[in-house]
Amino acid sequence: MAASTLTTSKGFTLIELVTVIVILGIVSVGISGFLRSGFQIYADANERQQILSESHFVVERLNRELRTAIPNSVRVKNDLNSKIQCLEFVPAEWVAFYTTLPVLPTTSTQARIVELAGNSLYSWQVGDFAFVYPTATQDVYDASQQKRQSVLACSNAIDADGNGEPDGEGDCSTENSTSHTAELTLSGAFVDDSPASRMYFGRKSISFCARNGGIYRHEGNIATTQTLYVAGGDLMAKHLQNELSDVNELPFAVSNAVLNRNGLVHILLAFELNEEQMNYSIEVHIPNVP
């Protein structure tokens, strides 16, 4: 009797293959969803950090620069049709007390000051403005109010040999000056005196303008009419969402100083980047000490 040979074939059935494919599909969907969620969290965190950094920068810059503003120099101008608003002020380059001051009707143009900081006089320039007792915005910007005069010359005592004794008069920008007093030659006399004998010095105006979804910083001349900048400047922040055609959503507002309160600058800023939002509501106090 002949012996029979049995051959066994090994492999996967169709049902097994389909089952594995289904399981792998379910697992891959779960993994991809998990990865997608992780990437989305990472992207959201980056966007949140970006808008936070940009908005915090411009808010901090506004805070710091506004605190140097000469009293009553802050003003705003807006055009709802063009969707532009500008906040303007004059920063104090340096501050001093005066011991003598030319006040009308005198024809003298000489003033003597005592500087508050040891090195502040070094930075003076011909054409800097001296402000005395500016109690209103027009006192800062309108020269006809005679609350500001140009500084034509500045001289102080020089100790060239370092023995502690002044050897003569020199330009205020001379670095080896040991004197904290100076003689100023001004373009004219002032109309009024300061109760605190305080004199501010300014050189330019600074404007922060909101337009085209951003905030821009401009430097300009001190002029009677405020400039509404429609282009140029340094970009300080993007993604601004304030509706500049609505008076209730404008980013800047000023409350002028009164006898029992400092001046206030109200800052209302809204930023948005891919549904990430950041809102600021800030009040900056401008000391009313002219």
C-alpha atoms as a PDB file:
ATOM      1  CA  MET A   1       0.000   0.000   0.000  1.00  0.00           C
ATOM      2  CA  ALA A   2       1.502   3.357  -1.005  1.00  0.00           C
ATOM      3  CA  ALA A   3       1.965   6.015   1.666  1.00  0.00           C
ATOM      4  CA  SER A   4       0.217   9.429   1.037  1.00  0.00           C
ATOM      5  CA  THR A   5       2.035  12.746   1.510  1.00  0.00           C
ATOM      6  CA  LEU A   6       0.111  15.712   3.120  1.00  0.00           C
ATOM      7  CA  THR A   7       1.128  19.306   2.245  1.00  0.00           C
ATOM      8  CA  THR A   8       0.119  22.142   4.666  1.00  0.00           C
ATOM      9  CA  SER A   9      -0.065  25.804   3.392  1.00  0.00           C
ATOM     10  CA  LYS A  10       0.313  28.644   5.963  1.00  0.00           C
ATOM     11  CA  GLY A  11      -0.928  32.330   5.506  1.00  0.00           C
ATOM     12  CA  PHE A  12      -3.591  34.925   6.403  1.00  0.00           C
ATOM     13  CA  THR A  13      -7.171  34.657   5.536  1.00  0.00           C
ATOM     14  CA  LEU A  14      -9.007  37.549   3.923  1.00  0.00           C
ATOM     15  CA  ILE A  15     -10.959  38.143   7.132  1.00  0.00           C
ATOM     16  CA  GLU A  16      -7.728  38.442   9.117  1.00  0.00           C
ATOM     17  CA  LEU A  17      -6.274  40.946   6.651  1.00  0.00           C
ATOM     18  CA  VAL A  18      -9.386  43.095   6.686  1.00  0.00           C
ATOM     19  CA  THR A  19      -9.445  43.022  10.498  1.00  0.00           C
ATOM     20  CA  VAL A  20      -5.799  44.147  10.729  1.00  0.00           C
ATOM     21  CA  ILE A  21      -6.366  46.956   8.219  1.00  0.00           C
ATOM     22  CA  VAL A  22      -9.388  48.214  10.164  1.00  0.00           C
ATOM     23  CA  ILE A  23      -7.459  48.137  13.444  1.00  0.00           C
ATOM     24  CA  LEU A  24      -4.481  49.954  11.926  1.00  0.00           C
ATOM     25  CA  GLY A  25      -6.826  52.573  10.461  1.00  0.00           C
ATOM     26  CA  ILE A  26      -8.422  53.199  13.846  1.00  0.00           C
ATOM     27  CA  VAL A  27      -5.033  53.473  15.553  1.00  0.00           C
ATOM     28  CA  SER A  28      -3.643  55.840  12.884  1.00  0.00           C
ATOM     29  CA  VAL A  29      -6.706  58.085  13.146  1.00  0.00           C
ATOM     30  CA  GLY A  30      -6.244  58.273  16.901  1.00  0.00           C
ATOM     31  CA  ILE A  31      -2.525  58.997  16.634  1.00  0.00           C
ATOM     32  CA  SER A  32      -3.002  61.637  13.932  1.00  0.00           C
ATOM     33  CA  GLY A  33      -5.696  63.327  16.018  1.00  0.00           C
ATOM     34  CA  PHE A  34      -3.372  63.351  19.009  1.00  0.00           C
ATOM     35  CA  LEU A  35      -0.513  64.777  16.935  1.00  0.00           C
ATOM     36  CA  ARG A  36      -2.777  67.351  15.334  1.00  0.00           C
ATOM     37  CA  SER A  37      -3.969  68.456  18.754  1.00  0.00           C
ATOM     38  CA  GLY A  38      -0.373  68.797  19.957  1.00  0.00           C
ATOM     39  CA  PHE A  39       0.637  70.837  16.916  1.00  0.00           C
ATOM     40  CA  GLN A  40      -2.411  73.080  17.355  1.00  0.00           C
ATOM     41  CA  ILE A  41      -1.590  73.694  21.008  1.00  0.00           C
ATOM     42  CA  TYR A  42       1.976  74.574  20.022  1.00  0.00           C
ATOM     43  CA  ALA A  43       0.795  76.931  17.256  1.00  0.00           C
ATOM     44  CA  ASP A  44      -1.736  78.609  19.571  1.00  0.00           C
ATOM     45  CA  ALA A  45       0.926  79.095  22.236  1.00  0.00           C
ATOM     46  CA  ASN A  46       3.274  80.671  19.678  1.00  0.00           C
ATOM     47  CA  GLU A  47       0.583  83.020  18.429  1.00  0.00           C
ATOM     48  CA  ARG A  48      -0.375  83.947  21.978  1.00  0.00           C
ATOM     49  CA  GLN A  49       3.267  84.655  22.822  1.00  0.00           C
ATOM     50  CA  GLN A  50       3.725  86.708  19.658  1.00  0.00           C
ATOM     51  CA  ILE A  51       0.724  88.953  20.238  1.00  0.00           C
ATOM     52  CA  LEU A  52       1.579  89.249  23.928  1.00  0.00           C
ATOM     53  CA  SER A  53       5.149  90.329  23.147  1.00  0.00           C
ATOM     54  CA  GLU A  54       4.119  92.854  20.496  1.00  0.00           C
ATOM     55  CA  SER A  55       1.308  94.389  22.543  1.00  0.00           C
ATOM     56  CA  HIS A  56       3.359  94.484  25.753  1.00  0.00           C
ATOM     57  CA  PHE A  57       6.194  96.257  23.935  1.00  0.00           C
ATOM     58  CA  VAL A  58       4.059  99.133  22.668  1.00  0.00           C
ATOM     59  CA  VAL A  59       2.223  99.494  26.002  1.00  0.00           C
ATOM     60  CA  GLU A  60       5.510  99.645  27.911  1.00  0.00           C
ATOM     61  CA  ARG A  61       6.951 102.121  25.384  1.00  0.00           C
ATOM     62  CA  LEU A  62       3.901 104.361  25.708  1.00  0.00           C
ATOM     63  CA  ASN A  63       4.093 104.224  29.501  1.00  0.00           C
ATOM     64  CA  ARG A  64       7.762 105.130  29.647  1.00  0.00           C
ATOM     65  CA  GLU A  65       7.703 107.920  27.083  1.00  0.00           C
ATOM     66  CA  LEU A  66       4.509 109.541  28.322  1.00  0.00           C
ATOM     67  CA  ARG A  67       5.962 109.821  31.817  1.00  0.00           C
ATOM     68  CA  THR A  68       8.619 112.173  30.437  1.00  0.00           C
ATOM     69  CA  ALA A  69       6.030 114.478  28.845  1.00  0.00           C
ATOM     70  CA  ILE A  70       6.143 118.168  29.709  1.00  0.00           C
ATOM     71  CA  PRO A  71       2.988 119.041  31.721  1.00  0.00           C
ATOM     72  CA  ASN A  72      -0.027 119.844  29.539  1.00  0.00           C
ATOM     73  CA  SER A  73       1.775 118.877  26.328  1.00  0.00           C
ATOM     74  CA  VAL A  74      -0.353 115.784  25.595  1.00  0.00           C
ATOM     75  CA  ARG A  75      -3.044 116.123  22.935  1.00  0.00           C
ATOM     76  CA  VAL A  76      -4.929 113.882  20.500  1.00  0.00           C
ATOM     77  CA  LYS A  77      -6.267 114.286  16.985  1.00  0.00           C
ATOM     78  CA  ASN A  78      -8.316 111.843  14.948  1.00  0.00           C
ATOM     79  CA  ASP A  79     -10.024 111.482  11.593  1.00  0.00           C
ATOM     80  CA  LEU A  80     -12.870 108.976  11.763  1.00  0.00           C
ATOM     81  CA  ASN A  81     -13.274 108.927   7.991  1.00  0.00           C
ATOM     82  CA  SER A  82      -9.618 108.101   7.365  1.00  0.00           C
ATOM     83  CA  LYS A  83      -9.490 105.833  10.439  1.00  0.00           C
ATOM     84  CA  ILE A  84      -6.449 107.512  11.984  1.00  0.00           C
ATOM     85  CA  GLN A  85      -5.792 108.778  15.490  1.00  0.00           C
ATOM     86  CA  CYS A  86      -2.576 110.353  16.797  1.00  0.00           C
ATOM     87  CA  LEU A  87      -1.432 110.997  20.352  1.00  0.00           C
ATOM     88  CA  GLU A  88       1.185 113.763  20.558  1.00  0.00           C
ATOM     89  CA  PHE A  89       3.349 115.096  23.402  1.00  0.00           C
ATOM     90  CA  VAL A  90       6.647 116.897  23.994  1.00  0.00           C
ATOM     91  CA  PRO A  91       9.160 114.925  26.085  1.00  0.00           C
ATOM     92  CA  ALA A  92      11.358 116.826  28.527  1.00  0.00           C
ATOM     93  CA  GLU A  93      15.009 116.561  27.501  1.00  0.00           C
ATOM     94  CA  TRP A  94      16.016 117.908  30.901  1.00  0.00           C
ATOM     95  CA  VAL A  95      14.536 119.894  33.781  1.00  0.00           C
ATOM     96  CA  ALA A  96      15.985 122.663  35.946  1.00  0.00           C
ATOM     97  CA  PHE A  97      15.105 125.284  38.523  1.00  0.00           C
ATOM     98  CA  TYR A  98      15.801 128.899  37.679  1.00  0.00           C
ATOM     99  CA  THR A  99      17.092 131.556  40.030  1.00  0.00           C
ATOM    100  CA  THR A 100      16.595 134.460  37.626  1.00  0.00           C
ATOM    101  CA  LEU A 101      14.111 134.653  34.757  1.00  0.00           C
ATOM    102  CA  PRO A 102      13.271 137.361  32.220  1.00  0.00           C
ATOM    103  CA  VAL A 103       9.566 138.155  32.620  1.00  0.00           C
ATOM    104  CA  LEU A 104       7.698 140.758  30.569  1.00  0.00           C
ATOM    105  CA  PRO A 105       7.818 143.727  30.315  1.00  0.00           C
ATOM    106  CA  THR A 106      11.585 143.323  30.763  1.00  0.00           C
ATOM    107  CA  THR A 107      13.715 143.335  27.637  1.00  0.00           C
ATOM    108  CA  SER A 108      16.316 141.035  29.188  1.00  0.00           C
ATOM    109  CA  THR A 109      16.847 137.603  27.660  1.00  0.00           C
ATOM    110  CA  GLN A 110      19.137 136.138  30.316  1.00  0.00           C
ATOM    111  CA  ALA A 111      18.159 133.381  32.746  1.00  0.00           C
ATOM    112  CA  ARG A 112      20.162 131.541  35.374  1.00  0.00           C
ATOM    113  CA  ILE A 113      19.323 127.937  36.147  1.00  0.00           C
ATOM    114  CA  VAL A 114      20.346 125.165  38.501  1.00  0.00           C
ATOM    115  CA  GLU A 115      20.250 121.783  36.790  1.00  0.00           C
ATOM    116  CA  LEU A 116      18.640 118.826  38.531  1.00  0.00           C
ATOM    117  CA  ALA A 117      20.921 116.132  37.073  1.00  0.00           C
ATOM    118  CA  GLY A 118      24.690 116.368  36.922  1.00  0.00           C
ATOM    119  CA  ASN A 119      25.056 115.572  33.204  1.00  0.00           C
ATOM    120  CA  SER A 120      21.848 116.952  31.756  1.00  0.00           C
ATOM    121  CA  LEU A 121      23.361 120.164  30.369  1.00  0.00           C
ATOM    122  CA  TYR A 122      25.799 118.210  28.208  1.00  0.00           C
ATOM    123  CA  SER A 123      23.028 117.314  25.807  1.00  0.00           C
ATOM    124  CA  TRP A 124      21.746 120.827  25.116  1.00  0.00           C
ATOM    125  CA  GLN A 125      21.513 122.107  21.536  1.00  0.00           C
ATOM    126  CA  VAL A 126      20.980 125.520  20.015  1.00  0.00           C
ATOM    127  CA  GLY A 127      17.290 125.834  19.285  1.00  0.00           C
ATOM    128  CA  ASP A 128      16.101 123.774  22.256  1.00  0.00           C
ATOM    129  CA  PHE A 129      12.976 125.253  23.797  1.00  0.00           C
ATOM    130  CA  ALA A 130      12.650 126.395  27.403  1.00  0.00           C
ATOM    131  CA  PHE A 131       9.127 126.129  28.859  1.00  0.00           C
ATOM    132  CA  VAL A 132       7.978 128.017  31.937  1.00  0.00           C
ATOM    133  CA  TYR A 133       4.590 127.510  33.571  1.00  0.00           C
ATOM    134  CA  PRO A 134       2.664 125.840  30.696  1.00  0.00           C
ATOM    135  CA  THR A 135      -0.836 125.517  32.186  1.00  0.00           C
ATOM    136  CA  ALA A 136      -2.603 124.648  28.926  1.00  0.00           C
ATOM    137  CA  THR A 137      -1.818 122.751  25.746  1.00  0.00           C
ATOM    138  CA  GLN A 138      -1.529 125.918  23.656  1.00  0.00           C
ATOM    139  CA  ASP A 139       1.161 127.192  26.041  1.00  0.00           C
ATOM    140  CA  VAL A 140       3.407 124.367  24.835  1.00  0.00           C
ATOM    141  CA  TYR A 141       2.682 124.444  21.106  1.00  0.00           C
ATOM    142  CA  ASP A 142       1.790 128.081  20.374  1.00  0.00           C
ATOM    143  CA  ALA A 143       4.818 130.363  20.619  1.00  0.00           C
ATOM    144  CA  SER A 144       2.583 133.447  20.729  1.00  0.00           C
ATOM    145  CA  GLN A 145       1.537 132.486  24.271  1.00  0.00           C
ATOM    146  CA  GLN A 146       5.114 133.383  25.300  1.00  0.00           C
ATOM    147  CA  LYS A 147       5.381 130.410  27.636  1.00  0.00           C
ATOM    148  CA  ARG A 148       8.267 128.986  25.605  1.00  0.00           C
ATOM    149  CA  GLN A 149      11.458 130.550  24.272  1.00  0.00           C
ATOM    150  CA  SER A 150      14.341 129.201  22.213  1.00  0.00           C
ATOM    151  CA  VAL A 151      17.691 128.671  23.937  1.00  0.00           C
ATOM    152  CA  LEU A 152      20.272 130.562  21.885  1.00  0.00           C
ATOM    153  CA  ALA A 153      23.306 130.032  24.127  1.00  0.00           C
ATOM    154  CA  CYS A 154      24.253 128.271  27.339  1.00  0.00           C
ATOM    155  CA  SER A 155      27.384 128.809  29.427  1.00  0.00           C
ATOM    156  CA  ASN A 156      28.606 127.541  32.787  1.00  0.00           C
ATOM    157  CA  ALA A 157      31.685 127.582  34.984  1.00  0.00           C
ATOM    158  CA  ILE A 158      34.765 125.611  33.871  1.00  0.00           C
ATOM    159  CA  ASP A 159      37.357 124.106  36.187  1.00  0.00           C
ATOM    160  CA  ALA A 160      40.036 123.260  33.609  1.00  0.00           C
ATOM    161  CA  ASP A 161      42.855 122.509  36.058  1.00  0.00           C
ATOM    162  CA  GLY A 162      40.690 120.459  38.404  1.00  0.00           C
ATOM    163  CA  ASN A 163      41.462 122.471  41.546  1.00  0.00           C
ATOM    164  CA  GLY A 164      37.798 122.999  42.345  1.00  0.00           C
ATOM    165  CA  GLU A 165      37.860 126.683  41.366  1.00  0.00           C
ATOM    166  CA  PRO A 166      36.124 127.932  38.201  1.00  0.00           C
ATOM    167  CA  ASP A 167      38.645 129.212  35.653  1.00  0.00           C
ATOM    168  CA  GLY A 168      36.103 130.883  33.396  1.00  0.00           C
ATOM    169  CA  GLU A 169      32.919 130.448  31.416  1.00  0.00           C
ATOM    170  CA  GLY A 170      32.435 127.696  28.871  1.00  0.00           C
ATOM    171  CA  ASP A 171      29.809 126.075  26.736  1.00  0.00           C
ATOM    172  CA  CYS A 172      27.369 123.929  28.723  1.00  0.00           C
ATOM    173  CA  SER A 173      28.287 120.883  26.660  1.00  0.00           C
ATOM    174  CA  THR A 174      31.918 120.990  27.867  1.00  0.00           C
ATOM    175  CA  GLU A 175      32.474 117.721  29.667  1.00  0.00           C
ATOM    176  CA  ASN A 176      34.971 118.990  32.240  1.00  0.00           C
ATOM    177  CA  SER A 177      32.485 121.449  33.721  1.00  0.00           C
ATOM    178  CA  THR A 178      32.061 121.040  37.462  1.00  0.00           C
ATOM    179  CA  SER A 179      29.304 123.598  37.818  1.00  0.00           C
ATOM    180  CA  HIS A 180      25.625 122.722  38.112  1.00  0.00           C
ATOM    181  CA  THR A 181      24.511 126.262  37.319  1.00  0.00           C
ATOM    182  CA  ALA A 182      24.252 127.828  33.902  1.00  0.00           C
ATOM    183  CA  GLU A 183      23.504 131.112  32.194  1.00  0.00           C
ATOM    184  CA  LEU A 184      21.013 130.915  29.333  1.00  0.00           C
ATOM    185  CA  THR A 185      20.498 133.354  26.509  1.00  0.00           C
ATOM    186  CA  LEU A 186      16.895 133.079  25.342  1.00  0.00           C
ATOM    187  CA  SER A 187      15.017 134.362  22.329  1.00  0.00           C
ATOM    188  CA  GLY A 188      12.783 136.529  24.537  1.00  0.00           C
ATOM    189  CA  ALA A 189      11.138 137.029  27.907  1.00  0.00           C
ATOM    190  CA  PHE A 190       8.326 134.940  29.371  1.00  0.00           C
ATOM    191  CA  VAL A 191       4.840 136.187  30.065  1.00  0.00           C
ATOM    192  CA  ASP A 192       4.623 134.534  33.459  1.00  0.00           C
ATOM    193  CA  ASP A 193       6.639 133.121  36.327  1.00  0.00           C
ATOM    194  CA  SER A 194       6.468 129.565  37.709  1.00  0.00           C
ATOM    195  CA  PRO A 195       5.389 129.268  41.370  1.00  0.00           C
ATOM    196  CA  ALA A 196       7.942 126.451  41.737  1.00  0.00           C
ATOM    197  CA  SER A 197      10.645 128.235  39.668  1.00  0.00           C
ATOM    198  CA  ARG A 198      10.721 125.211  37.380  1.00  0.00           C
ATOM    199  CA  MET A 199      11.893 125.232  33.764  1.00  0.00           C
ATOM    200  CA  TYR A 200      11.426 122.387  31.269  1.00  0.00           C
ATOM    201  CA  PHE A 201      13.450 121.909  28.104  1.00  0.00           C
ATOM    202  CA  GLY A 202      12.117 120.223  24.965  1.00  0.00           C
ATOM    203  CA  ARG A 203      13.396 119.660  21.461  1.00  0.00           C
ATOM    204  CA  LYS A 204      10.803 117.741  19.439  1.00  0.00           C
ATOM    205  CA  SER A 205       7.328 116.297  19.564  1.00  0.00           C
ATOM    206  CA  ILE A 206       6.538 112.590  19.674  1.00  0.00           C
ATOM    207  CA  SER A 207       3.407 111.098  18.120  1.00  0.00           C
ATOM    208  CA  PHE A 208       1.964 107.601  18.418  1.00  0.00           C
ATOM    209  CA  CYS A 209      -0.527 107.047  15.598  1.00  0.00           C
ATOM    210  CA  ALA A 210      -3.031 104.222  15.197  1.00  0.00           C
ATOM    211  CA  ARG A 211      -3.828 103.389  11.575  1.00  0.00           C
ATOM    212  CA  ASN A 212      -4.015 100.454   9.152  1.00  0.00           C
ATOM    213  CA  GLY A 213      -4.109  97.862  11.927  1.00  0.00           C
ATOM    214  CA  GLY A 214      -0.911  99.075  13.607  1.00  0.00           C
ATOM    215  CA  ILE A 215       0.636 101.692  15.897  1.00  0.00           C
ATOM    216  CA  TYR A 216       3.420 103.896  14.505  1.00  0.00           C
ATOM    217  CA  ARG A 217       5.823 106.266  16.260  1.00  0.00           C
ATOM    218  CA  HIS A 218       6.774 109.611  14.697  1.00  0.00           C
ATOM    219  CA  GLU A 219       9.139 112.437  15.653  1.00  0.00           C
ATOM    220  CA  GLY A 220       8.384 115.949  14.468  1.00  0.00           C
ATOM    221  CA  ASN A 221       8.685 119.658  15.148  1.00  0.00           C
ATOM    222  CA  ILE A 222       6.761 121.444  17.872  1.00  0.00           C
ATOM    223  CA  ALA A 223       3.996 123.166  15.902  1.00  0.00           C
ATOM    224  CA  THR A 224       0.743 124.939  16.734  1.00  0.00           C
ATOM    225  CA  THR A 225      -1.341 122.586  14.577  1.00  0.00           C
ATOM    226  CA  GLN A 226      -1.072 118.904  15.379  1.00  0.00           C
ATOM    227  CA  THR A 227       0.040 116.678  12.515  1.00  0.00           C
ATOM    228  CA  LEU A 228      -2.082 113.667  11.614  1.00  0.00           C
ATOM    229  CA  TYR A 229       0.460 111.236  10.157  1.00  0.00           C
ATOM    230  CA  VAL A 230      -0.989 109.108   7.358  1.00  0.00           C
ATOM    231  CA  ALA A 231       2.247 107.296   6.423  1.00  0.00           C
ATOM    232  CA  GLY A 232       5.793 106.635   7.549  1.00  0.00           C
ATOM    233  CA  GLY A 233       7.046 106.347  11.092  1.00  0.00           C
ATOM    234  CA  ASP A 234       8.386 103.369  13.027  1.00  0.00           C
ATOM    235  CA  LEU A 235       6.048 100.404  13.411  1.00  0.00           C
ATOM    236  CA  MET A 236       5.572  99.699  17.133  1.00  0.00           C
ATOM    237  CA  ALA A 237       2.840  97.031  17.005  1.00  0.00           C
ATOM    238  CA  LYS A 238       0.705  95.120  14.516  1.00  0.00           C
ATOM    239  CA  HIS A 239      -2.689  93.377  14.687  1.00  0.00           C
ATOM    240  CA  LEU A 240      -4.518  96.371  16.215  1.00  0.00           C
ATOM    241  CA  GLN A 241      -8.273  95.733  16.243  1.00  0.00           C
ATOM    242  CA  ASN A 242      -9.661  99.058  17.530  1.00  0.00           C
ATOM    243  CA  GLU A 243     -12.417 100.343  15.261  1.00  0.00           C
ATOM    244  CA  LEU A 244     -10.969 103.757  14.387  1.00  0.00           C
ATOM    245  CA  SER A 245     -14.191 104.918  12.745  1.00  0.00           C
ATOM    246  CA  ASP A 246     -16.051 104.601  16.068  1.00  0.00           C
ATOM    247  CA  VAL A 247     -15.400 107.350  18.610  1.00  0.00           C
ATOM    248  CA  ASN A 248     -16.101 104.886  21.428  1.00  0.00           C
ATOM    249  CA  GLU A 249     -13.290 102.531  20.352  1.00  0.00           C
ATOM    250  CA  LEU A 250     -10.502 105.012  19.739  1.00  0.00           C
ATOM    251  CA  PRO A 251      -7.286 103.926  21.492  1.00  0.00           C
ATOM    252  CA  PHE A 252      -6.300 107.281  23.038  1.00  0.00           C
ATOM    253  CA  ALA A 253      -8.115 109.848  25.168  1.00  0.00           C
ATOM    254  CA  VAL A 254      -6.752 112.711  27.285  1.00  0.00           C
ATOM    255  CA  SER A 255      -8.173 114.226  30.460  1.00  0.00           C
ATOM    256  CA  ASN A 256      -6.442 117.527  31.064  1.00  0.00           C
ATOM    257  CA  ALA A 257      -4.978 118.314  34.460  1.00  0.00           C
ATOM    258  CA  VAL A 258      -6.996 120.324  36.982  1.00  0.00           C
ATOM    259  CA  LEU A 259      -6.045 121.841  40.316  1.00  0.00           C
ATOM    260  CA  ASN A 260      -6.661 118.664  42.310  1.00  0.00           C
ATOM    261  CA  ARG A 261      -5.680 116.029  39.718  1.00  0.00           C
ATOM    262  CA  ASN A 262      -2.832 115.209  37.386  1.00  0.00           C
ATOM    263  CA  GLY A 263      -3.367 114.896  33.670  1.00  0.00           C
ATOM    264  CA  LEU A 264      -4.501 111.469  32.513  1.00  0.00           C
ATOM    265  CA  VAL A 265      -3.947 109.606  29.268  1.00  0.00           C
ATOM    266  CA  HIS A 266      -6.458 106.802  28.808  1.00  0.00           C
ATOM    267  CA  ILE A 267      -5.156 103.991  26.601  1.00  0.00           C
ATOM    268  CA  LEU A 268      -7.560 101.364  25.270  1.00  0.00           C
ATOM    269  CA  LEU A 269      -5.926  98.846  22.934  1.00  0.00           C
ATOM    270  CA  ALA A 270      -7.271  95.628  21.409  1.00  0.00           C
ATOM    271  CA  PHE A 271      -5.047  93.176  19.512  1.00  0.00           C
ATOM    272  CA  GLU A 272      -6.011  89.961  17.708  1.00  0.00           C
ATOM    273  CA  LEU A 273      -4.007  87.324  15.847  1.00  0.00           C
ATOM    274  CA  ASN A 274      -5.789  84.225  14.513  1.00  0.00           C
ATOM    275  CA  GLU A 275      -8.510  84.462  17.181  1.00  0.00           C
ATOM    276  CA  GLU A 276      -5.963  85.053  19.946  1.00  0.00           C
ATOM    277  CA  GLN A 277      -7.027  88.321  21.617  1.00  0.00           C
ATOM    278  CA  MET A 278      -5.267  90.737  23.966  1.00  0.00           C
ATOM    279  CA  ASN A 279      -6.934  93.807  25.496  1.00  0.00           C
ATOM    280  CA  TYR A 280      -5.374  96.646  27.500  1.00  0.00           C
ATOM    281  CA  SER A 281      -7.028  99.412  29.496  1.00  0.00           C
ATOM    282  CA  ILE A 282      -4.442 101.724  31.055  1.00  0.00           C
ATOM    283  CA  GLU A 283      -4.270 105.164  32.626  1.00  0.00           C
ATOM    284  CA  VAL A 284      -0.966 107.054  32.532  1.00  0.00           C
ATOM    285  CA  HIS A 285      -0.605 109.984  34.933  1.00  0.00           C
ATOM    286  CA  ILE A 286       1.151 113.112  33.680  1.00  0.00           C
ATOM    287  CA  PRO A 287       2.369 115.143  36.700  1.00  0.00           C
ATOM    288  CA  ASN A 288       0.790 118.587  36.815  1.00  0.00           C
ATOM    289  CA  VAL A 289       3.796 120.491  38.134  1.00  0.00           C
ATOM    290  CA  PRO A 290       4.469 123.351  35.707  1.00  0.00           C
END
